[in-house]
All heavy atoms as atom14 arrays in JSON, in Angstrom:
{
  "sequence": "DGCLSGIPGQSPGYDALKFAVDQCHKRGMEIQAWVVTMPVGKWDGVG",
  "atom14_mask": [
    [1, 1, 1, 1, 1, 1, 1, 1, 0, 0, 0, 0, 0, 0],
    [1, 1, 1, 1, 0, 0, 0, 0, 0, 0, 0, 0, 0, 0],
    [1, 1, 1, 1, 1, 1, 0, 0, 0, 0, 0, 0, 0, 0],
    [1, 1, 1, 1, 1, 1, 1, 1, 0, 0, 0, 0, 0, 0],
    [1, 1, 1, 1, 1, 1, 0, 0, 0, 0, 0, 0, 0, 0],
    [1, 1, 1, 1, 0, 0, 0, 0, 0, 0, 0, 0, 0, 0],
    [1, 1, 1, 1, 1, 1, 1, 1, 0, 0, 0, 0, 0, 0],
    [1, 1, 1, 1, 1, 1, 1, 0, 0, 0, 0, 0, 0, 0],
    [1, 1, 1, 1, 0, 0, 0, 0, 0, 0, 0, 0, 0, 0],
    [1, 1, 1, 1, 1, 1, 1, 1, 1, 0, 0, 0, 0, 0],
    [1, 1, 1, 1, 1, 1, 0, 0, 0, 0, 0, 0, 0, 0],
    [1, 1, 1, 1, 1, 1, 1, 0, 0, 0, 0, 0, 0, 0],
    [1, 1, 1, 1, 0, 0, 0, 0, 0, 0, 0, 0, 0, 0],
    [1, 1, 1, 1, 1, 1, 1, 1, 1, 1, 1, 1, 0, 0],
    [1, 1, 1, 1, 1, 1, 1, 1, 0, 0, 0, 0, 0, 0],
    [1, 1, 1, 1, 1, 0, 0, 0, 0, 0, 0, 0, 0, 0],
    [1, 1, 1, 1, 1, 1, 1, 1, 0, 0, 0, 0, 0, 0],
    [1, 1, 1, 1, 1, 1, 1, 1, 1, 0, 0, 0, 0, 0],
    [1, 1, 1, 1, 1, 1, 1, 1, 1, 1, 1, 0, 0, 0],
    [1, 1, 1, 1, 1, 0, 0, 0, 0, 0, 0, 0, 0, 0],
    [1, 1, 1, 1, 1, 1, 1, 0, 0, 0, 0, 0, 0, 0],
    [1, 1, 1, 1, 1, 1, 1, 1, 0, 0, 0, 0, 0, 0],
    [1, 1, 1, 1, 1, 1, 1, 1, 1, 0, 0, 0, 0, 0],
    [1, 1, 1, 1, 1, 1, 0, 0, 0, 0, 0, 0, 0, 0],
    [1, 1, 1, 1, 1, 1, 1, 1, 1, 1, 0, 0, 0, 0],
    [1, 1, 1, 1, 1, 1, 1, 1, 1, 0, 0, 0, 0, 0],
    [1, 1, 1, 1, 1, 1, 1, 1, 1, 1, 1, 0, 0, 0],
    [1, 1, 1, 1, 0, 0, 0, 0, 0, 0, 0, 0, 0, 0],
    [1, 1, 1, 1, 1, 1, 1, 1, 0, 0, 0, 0, 0, 0],
    [1, 1, 1, 1, 1, 1, 1, 1, 1, 0, 0, 0, 0, 0],
    [1, 1, 1, 1, 1, 1, 1, 1, 0, 0, 0, 0, 0, 0],
    [1, 1, 1, 1, 1, 1, 1, 1, 1, 0, 0, 0, 0, 0],
    [1, 1, 1, 1, 1, 0, 0, 0, 0, 0, 0, 0, 0, 0],
    [1, 1, 1, 1, 1, 1, 1, 1, 1, 1, 1, 1, 1, 1],
    [1, 1, 1, 1, 1, 1, 1, 0, 0, 0, 0, 0, 0, 0],
    [1, 1, 1, 1, 1, 1, 1, 0, 0, 0, 0, 0, 0, 0],
    [1, 1, 1, 1, 1, 1, 1, 0, 0, 0, 0, 0, 0, 0],
    [1, 1, 1, 1, 1, 1, 1, 1, 0, 0, 0, 0, 0, 0],
    [1, 1, 1, 1, 1, 1, 1, 0, 0, 0, 0, 0, 0, 0],
    [1, 1, 1, 1, 1, 1, 1, 0, 0, 0, 0, 0, 0, 0],
    [1, 1, 1, 1, 0, 0, 0, 0, 0, 0, 0, 0, 0, 0],
    [1, 1, 1, 1, 1, 1, 1, 1, 1, 0, 0, 0, 0, 0],
    [1, 1, 1, 1, 1, 1, 1, 1, 1, 1, 1, 1, 1, 1],
    [1, 1, 1, 1, 1, 1, 1, 1, 0, 0, 0, 0, 0, 0],
    [1, 1, 1, 1, 0, 0, 0, 0, 0, 0, 0, 0, 0, 0],
    [1, 1, 1, 1, 1, 1, 1, 0, 0, 0, 0, 0, 0, 0],
    [1, 1, 1, 1, 0, 0, 0, 0, 0, 0, 0, 0, 0, 0]
  ],
  "atom14_positions": [
    [[1.83, 0.88, -6.29], [3.21, 0.41, -6.14], [3.31, -1.01, -6.68], [2.32, -1.76, -6.72], [3.63, 0.44, -4.67], [5.11, 0.18, -4.51], [5.89, 1.12, -4.71], [5.47, -0.97, -4.18], [0.0, 0.0, 0.0], [0.0, 0.0, 0.0], [0.0, 0.0, 0.0], [0.0, 0.0, 0.0], [0.0, 0.0, 0.0], [0.0, 0.0, 0.0]],
    [[4.51, -1.41, -7.05], [4.7, -2.75, -7.61], [4.83, -3.85, -6.6], [4.94, -5.02, -6.97], [0.0, 0.0, 0.0], [0.0, 0.0, 0.0], [0.0, 0.0, 0.0], [0.0, 0.0, 0.0], [0.0, 0.0, 0.0], [0.0, 0.0, 0.0], [0.0, 0.0, 0.0], [0.0, 0.0, 0.0], [0.0, 0.0, 0.0], [0.0, 0.0, 0.0]],
    [[4.81, -3.52, -5.28], [5.04, -4.57, -4.28], [3.91, -5.59, -4.25], [4.13, -6.73, -3.84], [5.21, -3.94, -2.9], [3.72, -3.17, -2.23], [0.0, 0.0, 0.0], [0.0, 0.0, 0.0], [0.0, 0.0, 0.0], [0.0, 0.0, 0.0], [0.0, 0.0, 0.0], [0.0, 0.0, 0.0], [0.0, 0.0, 0.0], [0.0, 0.0, 0.0]],
    [[2.72, -5.22, -4.69], [1.58, -6.12, -4.61], [1.45, -7.02, -5.84], [1.31, -8.23, -5.72], [0.3, -5.31, -4.42], [0.22, -4.5, -3.11], [-0.88, -3.47, -3.2], [-0.02, -5.43, -1.92], [0.0, 0.0, 0.0], [0.0, 0.0, 0.0], [0.0, 0.0, 0.0], [0.0, 0.0, 0.0], [0.0, 0.0, 0.0], [0.0, 0.0, 0.0]],
    [[1.48, -6.4, -7.03], [1.31, -7.17, -8.26], [2.63, -7.59, -8.89], [2.66, -8.47, -9.76], [0.52, -6.34, -9.28], [1.3, -5.24, -9.72], [0.0, 0.0, 0.0], [0.0, 0.0, 0.0], [0.0, 0.0, 0.0], [0.0, 0.0, 0.0], [0.0, 0.0, 0.0], [0.0, 0.0, 0.0], [0.0, 0.0, 0.0], [0.0, 0.0, 0.0]],
    [[3.71, -6.95, -8.47], [5.01, -7.21, -9.09], [5.27, -6.31, -10.28], [6.37, -6.31, -10.83], [0.0, 0.0, 0.0], [0.0, 0.0, 0.0], [0.0, 0.0, 0.0], [0.0, 0.0, 0.0], [0.0, 0.0, 0.0], [0.0, 0.0, 0.0], [0.0, 0.0, 0.0], [0.0, 0.0, 0.0], [0.0, 0.0, 0.0], [0.0, 0.0, 0.0]],
    [[4.27, -5.51, -10.66], [4.4, -4.61, -11.81], [3.99, -3.21, -11.38], [2.82, -2.98, -11.06], [3.51, -5.08, -12.98], [3.86, -6.51, -13.38], [3.64, -4.13, -14.17], [2.91, -7.1, -14.4], [0.0, 0.0, 0.0], [0.0, 0.0, 0.0], [0.0, 0.0, 0.0], [0.0, 0.0, 0.0], [0.0, 0.0, 0.0], [0.0, 0.0, 0.0]],
    [[4.93, -2.25, -11.31], [4.58, -0.89, -10.9], [3.46, -0.33, -11.75], [3.45, -0.46, -12.97], [5.89, -0.12, -11.11], [6.96, -1.15, -11.0], [6.37, -2.4, -11.6], [0.0, 0.0, 0.0], [0.0, 0.0, 0.0], [0.0, 0.0, 0.0], [0.0, 0.0, 0.0], [0.0, 0.0, 0.0], [0.0, 0.0, 0.0], [0.0, 0.0, 0.0]],
    [[2.48, 0.27, -11.06], [1.35, 0.87, -11.75], [0.19, -0.07, -11.99], [-0.88, 0.36, -12.44], [0.0, 0.0, 0.0], [0.0, 0.0, 0.0], [0.0, 0.0, 0.0], [0.0, 0.0, 0.0], [0.0, 0.0, 0.0], [0.0, 0.0, 0.0], [0.0, 0.0, 0.0], [0.0, 0.0, 0.0], [0.0, 0.0, 0.0], [0.0, 0.0, 0.0]],
    [[0.35, -1.36, -11.69], [-0.7, -2.34, -11.96], [-1.39, -2.78, -10.67], [-0.74, -3.08, -9.68], [-0.12, -3.57, -12.66], [-1.17, -4.65, -12.97], [-0.61, -5.74, -13.86], [-0.07, -5.47, -14.94], [-0.72, -6.99, -13.41], [0.0, 0.0, 0.0], [0.0, 0.0, 0.0], [0.0, 0.0, 0.0], [0.0, 0.0, 0.0], [0.0, 0.0, 0.0]],
    [[-2.72, -2.84, -10.72], [-3.51, -3.24, -9.56], [-3.31, -4.72, -9.26], [-3.17, -5.54, -10.17], [-4.99, -2.97, -9.84], [-5.81, -3.61, -8.87], [0.0, 0.0, 0.0], [0.0, 0.0, 0.0], [0.0, 0.0, 0.0], [0.0, 0.0, 0.0], [0.0, 0.0, 0.0], [0.0, 0.0, 0.0], [0.0, 0.0, 0.0], [0.0, 0.0, 0.0]],
    [[-3.34, -5.1, -7.97], [-3.28, -6.52, -7.6], [-4.64, -7.2, -7.68], [-4.75, -8.39, -7.39], [-2.78, -6.48, -6.16], [-3.35, -5.21, -5.63], [-3.32, -4.22, -6.77], [0.0, 0.0, 0.0], [0.0, 0.0, 0.0], [0.0, 0.0, 0.0], [0.0, 0.0, 0.0], [0.0, 0.0, 0.0], [0.0, 0.0, 0.0], [0.0, 0.0, 0.0]],
    [[-5.67, -6.43, -8.02], [-7.0, -7.01, -8.11], [-7.84, -6.86, -6.86], [-8.98, -7.33, -6.81], [0.0, 0.0, 0.0], [0.0, 0.0, 0.0], [0.0, 0.0, 0.0], [0.0, 0.0, 0.0], [0.0, 0.0, 0.0], [0.0, 0.0, 0.0], [0.0, 0.0, 0.0], [0.0, 0.0, 0.0], [0.0, 0.0, 0.0], [0.0, 0.0, 0.0]],
    [[-7.31, -6.21, -5.85], [-8.08, -5.94, -4.63], [-7.46, -4.74, -3.94], [-6.33, -4.32, -4.25], [-8.1, -7.15, -3.7], [-6.8, -7.41, -2.96], [-6.64, -7.05, -1.62], [-5.71, -8.03, -3.6], [-5.46, -7.29, -0.95], [-4.53, -8.27, -2.93], [-4.4, -7.91, -1.6], [-3.23, -8.14, -0.94], [0.0, 0.0, 0.0], [0.0, 0.0, 0.0]],
    [[-8.2, -4.15, -3.0], [-7.74, -2.98, -2.25], [-7.0, -3.46, -1.01], [-7.61, -3.86, -0.01], [-8.94, -2.11, -1.87], [-8.55, -0.78, -1.25], [-7.47, -0.71, -0.65], [-9.36, 0.18, -1.35], [0.0, 0.0, 0.0], [0.0, 0.0, 0.0], [0.0, 0.0, 0.0], [0.0, 0.0, 0.0], [0.0, 0.0, 0.0], [0.0, 0.0, 0.0]],
    [[-5.68, -3.43, -1.05], [-4.87, -3.98, 0.04], [-5.05, -3.18, 1.34], [-5.03, -3.77, 2.43], [-3.4, -4.0, -0.35], [0.0, 0.0, 0.0], [0.0, 0.0, 0.0], [0.0, 0.0, 0.0], [0.0, 0.0, 0.0], [0.0, 0.0, 0.0], [0.0, 0.0, 0.0], [0.0, 0.0, 0.0], [0.0, 0.0, 0.0], [0.0, 0.0, 0.0]],
    [[-5.24, -1.88, 1.23], [-5.4, -1.09, 2.46], [-6.73, -1.42, 3.14], [-6.78, -1.6, 4.36], [-5.33, 0.4, 2.14], [-5.51, 1.32, 3.36], [-4.46, 1.03, 4.43], [-5.47, 2.78, 2.95], [0.0, 0.0, 0.0], [0.0, 0.0, 0.0], [0.0, 0.0, 0.0], [0.0, 0.0, 0.0], [0.0, 0.0, 0.0], [0.0, 0.0, 0.0]],
    [[-7.81, -1.5, 2.38], [-9.09, -1.85, 2.99], [-9.03, -3.22, 3.64], [-9.56, -3.43, 4.74], [-10.21, -1.82, 1.95], [-11.59, -2.09, 2.55], [-12.69, -2.08, 1.53], [-14.06, -2.19, 2.21], [-14.15, -3.32, 3.15], [0.0, 0.0, 0.0], [0.0, 0.0, 0.0], [0.0, 0.0, 0.0], [0.0, 0.0, 0.0], [0.0, 0.0, 0.0]],
    [[-8.39, -4.16, 2.97], [-8.26, -5.5, 3.54], [-7.5, -5.44, 4.86], [-7.9, -6.05, 5.86], [-7.54, -6.42, 2.56], [-7.4, -7.83, 3.06], [-8.45, -8.72, 2.99], [-6.21, -8.26, 3.63], [-8.32, -10.03, 3.48], [-6.06, -9.55, 4.11], [-7.12, -10.44, 4.04], [0.0, 0.0, 0.0], [0.0, 0.0, 0.0], [0.0, 0.0, 0.0]],
    [[-6.4, -4.67, 4.89], [-5.6, -4.57, 6.11], [-6.38, -3.89, 7.23], [-6.29, -4.31, 8.39], [-4.31, -3.8, 5.82], [0.0, 0.0, 0.0], [0.0, 0.0, 0.0], [0.0, 0.0, 0.0], [0.0, 0.0, 0.0], [0.0, 0.0, 0.0], [0.0, 0.0, 0.0], [0.0, 0.0, 0.0], [0.0, 0.0, 0.0], [0.0, 0.0, 0.0]],
    [[-7.13, -2.84, 6.9], [-7.94, -2.16, 7.92], [-8.94, -3.12, 8.53], [-9.07, -3.22, 9.76], [-8.64, -0.93, 7.31], [-9.69, -0.37, 8.28], [-7.64, 0.16, 6.95], [0.0, 0.0, 0.0], [0.0, 0.0, 0.0], [0.0, 0.0, 0.0], [0.0, 0.0, 0.0], [0.0, 0.0, 0.0], [0.0, 0.0, 0.0], [0.0, 0.0, 0.0]],
    [[-9.66, -3.84, 7.7], [-10.67, -4.77, 8.19], [-10.04, -5.85, 9.07], [-10.59, -6.22, 10.12], [-11.41, -5.42, 7.02], [-12.3, -4.44, 6.27], [-12.59, -3.36, 6.82], [-12.7, -4.75, 5.13], [0.0, 0.0, 0.0], [0.0, 0.0, 0.0], [0.0, 0.0, 0.0], [0.0, 0.0, 0.0], [0.0, 0.0, 0.0], [0.0, 0.0, 0.0]],
    [[-8.9, -6.37, 8.65], [-8.27, -7.46, 9.4], [-7.68, -6.97, 10.72], [-7.72, -7.69, 11.73], [-7.19, -8.13, 8.54], [-7.74, -8.88, 7.34], [-8.72, -9.97, 7.72], [-8.49, -10.72, 8.67], [-9.83, -10.06, 6.99], [0.0, 0.0, 0.0], [0.0, 0.0, 0.0], [0.0, 0.0, 0.0], [0.0, 0.0, 0.0], [0.0, 0.0, 0.0]],
    [[-7.12, -5.78, 10.75], [-6.6, -5.23, 12.01], [-7.75, -4.99, 12.99], [-7.67, -5.36, 14.17], [-5.85, -3.93, 11.76], [-4.2, -4.16, 11.05], [0.0, 0.0, 0.0], [0.0, 0.0, 0.0], [0.0, 0.0, 0.0], [0.0, 0.0, 0.0], [0.0, 0.0, 0.0], [0.0, 0.0, 0.0], [0.0, 0.0, 0.0], [0.0, 0.0, 0.0]],
    [[-8.83, -4.39, 12.51], [-9.97, -4.12, 13.39], [-10.61, -5.41, 13.88], [-11.08, -5.48, 15.02], [-10.97, -3.24, 12.66], [-10.52, -1.82, 12.52], [-11.22, -0.88, 11.8], [-9.44, -1.17, 13.03], [-10.58, 0.28, 11.86], [-9.5, 0.12, 12.6], [0.0, 0.0, 0.0], [0.0, 0.0, 0.0], [0.0, 0.0, 0.0], [0.0, 0.0, 0.0]],
    [[-10.62, -6.41, 13.05], [-11.17, -7.71, 13.47], [-10.4, -8.26, 14.65], [-10.96, -8.97, 15.5], [-11.09, -8.68, 12.28], [-11.59, -10.08, 12.57], [-11.45, -10.96, 11.33], [-11.87, -12.4, 11.6], [-11.69, -13.25, 10.38], [0.0, 0.0, 0.0], [0.0, 0.0, 0.0], [0.0, 0.0, 0.0], [0.0, 0.0, 0.0], [0.0, 0.0, 0.0]],
    [[-9.13, -7.92, 14.76], [-8.26, -8.42, 15.83], [-8.1, -7.4, 16.96], [-7.26, -7.59, 17.84], [-6.89, -8.79, 15.25], [-6.95, -10.02, 14.35], [-5.73, -10.11, 13.45], [-5.75, -11.34, 12.65], [-6.48, -11.5, 11.54], [-7.23, -10.5, 11.09], [-6.44, -12.64, 10.87], [0.0, 0.0, 0.0], [0.0, 0.0, 0.0], [0.0, 0.0, 0.0]],
    [[-8.89, -6.34, 16.94], [-8.84, -5.35, 18.02], [-7.63, -4.45, 17.98], [-7.29, -3.83, 18.99], [0.0, 0.0, 0.0], [0.0, 0.0, 0.0], [0.0, 0.0, 0.0], [0.0, 0.0, 0.0], [0.0, 0.0, 0.0], [0.0, 0.0, 0.0], [0.0, 0.0, 0.0], [0.0, 0.0, 0.0], [0.0, 0.0, 0.0], [0.0, 0.0, 0.0]],
    [[-6.97, -4.34, 16.83], [-5.78, -3.5, 16.68], [-6.1, -2.23, 15.9], [-6.9, -2.26, 14.96], [-4.67, -4.27, 15.98], [-4.17, -5.47, 16.75], [-2.72, -6.26, 16.01], [-3.44, -7.06, 14.59], [0.0, 0.0, 0.0], [0.0, 0.0, 0.0], [0.0, 0.0, 0.0], [0.0, 0.0, 0.0], [0.0, 0.0, 0.0], [0.0, 0.0, 0.0]],
    [[-5.47, -1.13, 16.28], [-5.55, 0.08, 15.48], [-4.6, -0.04, 14.28], [-3.59, -0.73, 14.34], [-5.17, 1.32, 16.3], [-6.21, 1.72, 17.32], [-6.02, 3.14, 17.83], [-5.05, 3.81, 17.41], [-6.86, 3.6, 18.64], [0.0, 0.0, 0.0], [0.0, 0.0, 0.0], [0.0, 0.0, 0.0], [0.0, 0.0, 0.0], [0.0, 0.0, 0.0]],
    [[-4.95, 0.65, 13.21], [-4.09, 0.7, 12.04], [-3.95, 2.14, 11.59], [-4.94, 2.86, 11.47], [-4.61, -0.19, 10.9], [-3.67, -0.1, 9.68], [-6.04, 0.11, 10.54], [-3.98, -1.11, 8.58], [0.0, 0.0, 0.0], [0.0, 0.0, 0.0], [0.0, 0.0, 0.0], [0.0, 0.0, 0.0], [0.0, 0.0, 0.0], [0.0, 0.0, 0.0]],
    [[-2.72, 2.56, 11.39], [-2.44, 3.89, 10.87], [-1.82, 3.77, 9.48], [-0.97, 2.89, 9.25], [-1.49, 4.66, 11.8], [-2.06, 4.89, 13.19], [-1.24, 5.88, 13.99], [-0.55, 6.74, 13.44], [-1.3, 5.77, 15.31], [0.0, 0.0, 0.0], [0.0, 0.0, 0.0], [0.0, 0.0, 0.0], [0.0, 0.0, 0.0], [0.0, 0.0, 0.0]],
    [[-2.26, 4.63, 8.57], [-1.72, 4.64, 7.22], [-0.39, 5.38, 7.24], [-0.35, 6.6, 7.44], [-2.71, 5.31, 6.26], [0.0, 0.0, 0.0], [0.0, 0.0, 0.0], [0.0, 0.0, 0.0], [0.0, 0.0, 0.0], [0.0, 0.0, 0.0], [0.0, 0.0, 0.0], [0.0, 0.0, 0.0], [0.0, 0.0, 0.0], [0.0, 0.0, 0.0]],
    [[0.67, 4.64, 7.01], [2.04, 5.16, 7.02], [2.3, 5.81, 5.65], [2.3, 5.14, 4.62], [2.97, 4.01, 7.34], [4.43, 4.18, 7.11], [5.11, 5.3, 6.75], [5.41, 3.15, 7.24], [6.45, 5.03, 6.64], [6.66, 3.73, 6.94], [5.35, 1.79, 7.56], [7.84, 2.98, 6.95], [6.53, 1.06, 7.58], [7.76, 1.65, 7.29]],
    [[2.51, 7.12, 5.69], [2.7, 7.91, 4.47], [4.13, 8.42, 4.42], [4.53, 9.26, 5.23], [1.71, 9.09, 4.43], [1.99, 9.99, 3.23], [0.28, 8.59, 4.39], [0.0, 0.0, 0.0], [0.0, 0.0, 0.0], [0.0, 0.0, 0.0], [0.0, 0.0, 0.0], [0.0, 0.0, 0.0], [0.0, 0.0, 0.0], [0.0, 0.0, 0.0]],
    [[4.93, 7.9, 3.5], [6.29, 8.42, 3.29], [6.15, 9.73, 2.52], [5.59, 9.75, 1.42], [7.16, 7.41, 2.52], [8.56, 7.98, 2.32], [7.22, 6.08, 3.26], [0.0, 0.0, 0.0], [0.0, 0.0, 0.0], [0.0, 0.0, 0.0], [0.0, 0.0, 0.0], [0.0, 0.0, 0.0], [0.0, 0.0, 0.0], [0.0, 0.0, 0.0]],
    [[6.65, 10.82, 3.08], [6.33, 12.14, 2.54], [7.31, 12.63, 1.47], [6.95, 12.71, 0.3], [6.24, 13.16, 3.69], [7.47, 13.17, 4.44], [5.09, 12.82, 4.62], [0.0, 0.0, 0.0], [0.0, 0.0, 0.0], [0.0, 0.0, 0.0], [0.0, 0.0, 0.0], [0.0, 0.0, 0.0], [0.0, 0.0, 0.0], [0.0, 0.0, 0.0]],
    [[8.53, 12.96, 1.82], [9.43, 13.65, 0.88], [10.04, 12.74, -0.19], [10.07, 13.11, -1.37], [10.55, 14.37, 1.64], [10.04, 15.4, 2.63], [8.93, 16.6, 1.87], [8.18, 17.3, 3.33], [0.0, 0.0, 0.0], [0.0, 0.0, 0.0], [0.0, 0.0, 0.0], [0.0, 0.0, 0.0], [0.0, 0.0, 0.0], [0.0, 0.0, 0.0]],
    [[10.54, 11.55, 0.13], [11.16, 10.71, -0.92], [10.09, 10.16, -1.87], [9.06, 9.65, -1.43], [11.83, 9.58, -0.13], [11.87, 10.04, 1.28], [10.7, 10.94, 1.46], [0.0, 0.0, 0.0], [0.0, 0.0, 0.0], [0.0, 0.0, 0.0], [0.0, 0.0, 0.0], [0.0, 0.0, 0.0], [0.0, 0.0, 0.0], [0.0, 0.0, 0.0]],
    [[10.35, 10.25, -3.16], [9.39, 9.72, -4.15], [10.05, 8.71, -5.08], [9.55, 8.44, -6.18], [8.72, 10.86, -4.94], [7.8, 11.67, -4.01], [9.74, 11.76, -5.6], [0.0, 0.0, 0.0], [0.0, 0.0, 0.0], [0.0, 0.0, 0.0], [0.0, 0.0, 0.0], [0.0, 0.0, 0.0], [0.0, 0.0, 0.0], [0.0, 0.0, 0.0]],
    [[11.18, 8.16, -4.68], [11.77, 7.05, -5.41], [12.76, 7.43, -6.48], [13.2, 8.6, -6.59], [0.0, 0.0, 0.0], [0.0, 0.0, 0.0], [0.0, 0.0, 0.0], [0.0, 0.0, 0.0], [0.0, 0.0, 0.0], [0.0, 0.0, 0.0], [0.0, 0.0, 0.0], [0.0, 0.0, 0.0], [0.0, 0.0, 0.0], [0.0, 0.0, 0.0]],
    [[13.15, 6.44, -7.27], [14.12, 6.65, -8.34], [13.59, 7.69, -9.32], [12.4, 7.77, -9.6], [14.38, 5.33, -9.08], [14.99, 4.24, -8.21], [16.36, 4.63, -7.68], [16.99, 3.51, -6.86], [18.3, 3.92, -6.28], [0.0, 0.0, 0.0], [0.0, 0.0, 0.0], [0.0, 0.0, 0.0], [0.0, 0.0, 0.0], [0.0, 0.0, 0.0]],
    [[14.52, 8.48, -9.84], [14.15, 9.61, -10.69], [13.28, 9.18, -11.87], [12.34, 9.88, -12.25], [15.41, 10.32, -11.17], [15.14, 11.6, -11.9], [15.27, 11.84, -13.24], [14.67, 12.83, -11.33], [14.91, 13.13, -13.54], [14.55, 13.77, -12.38], [14.35, 13.23, -10.03], [14.12, 15.08, -12.17], [13.93, 14.54, -9.82], [13.81, 15.44, -10.89]],
    [[13.58, 8.01, -12.42], [12.79, 7.52, -13.56], [11.79, 6.45, -13.16], [11.2, 5.79, -14.02], [13.73, 6.98, -14.65], [14.54, 8.1, -15.3], [13.97, 9.19, -15.49], [15.72, 7.86, -15.59], [0.0, 0.0, 0.0], [0.0, 0.0, 0.0], [0.0, 0.0, 0.0], [0.0, 0.0, 0.0], [0.0, 0.0, 0.0], [0.0, 0.0, 0.0]],
    [[11.6, 6.25, -11.85], [10.6, 5.3, -11.38], [9.19, 5.81, -11.65], [8.98, 7.02, -11.84], [0.0, 0.0, 0.0], [0.0, 0.0, 0.0], [0.0, 0.0, 0.0], [0.0, 0.0, 0.0], [0.0, 0.0, 0.0], [0.0, 0.0, 0.0], [0.0, 0.0, 0.0], [0.0, 0.0, 0.0], [0.0, 0.0, 0.0], [0.0, 0.0, 0.0]],
    [[8.22, 4.91, -11.6], [6.86, 5.29, -11.98], [6.3, 6.38, -11.08], [5.64, 7.32, -11.54], [5.93, 4.06, -12.0], [5.8, 3.43, -10.62], [4.56, 4.43, -12.53], [0.0, 0.0, 0.0], [0.0, 0.0, 0.0], [0.0, 0.0, 0.0], [0.0, 0.0, 0.0], [0.0, 0.0, 0.0], [0.0, 0.0, 0.0], [0.0, 0.0, 0.0]],
    [[6.57, 6.33, -9.76], [6.03, 7.33, -8.85], [6.62, 8.7, -9.09], [5.9, 9.7, -9.21], [0.0, 0.0, 0.0], [0.0, 0.0, 0.0], [0.0, 0.0, 0.0], [0.0, 0.0, 0.0], [0.0, 0.0, 0.0], [0.0, 0.0, 0.0], [0.0, 0.0, 0.0], [0.0, 0.0, 0.0], [0.0, 0.0, 0.0], [0.0, 0.0, 0.0]]
  ]
}
């Protein structure tokens, strides 16, 4: 997604989910991966 790098389809240079998992667990919090199922965005969007 483009929310990390600002460019859809481009990596931000690190794994944001792994970073979030590690940081949540470091603080004693559970983390669930939120998966938006049916909507896949604008018809001509990259996704």
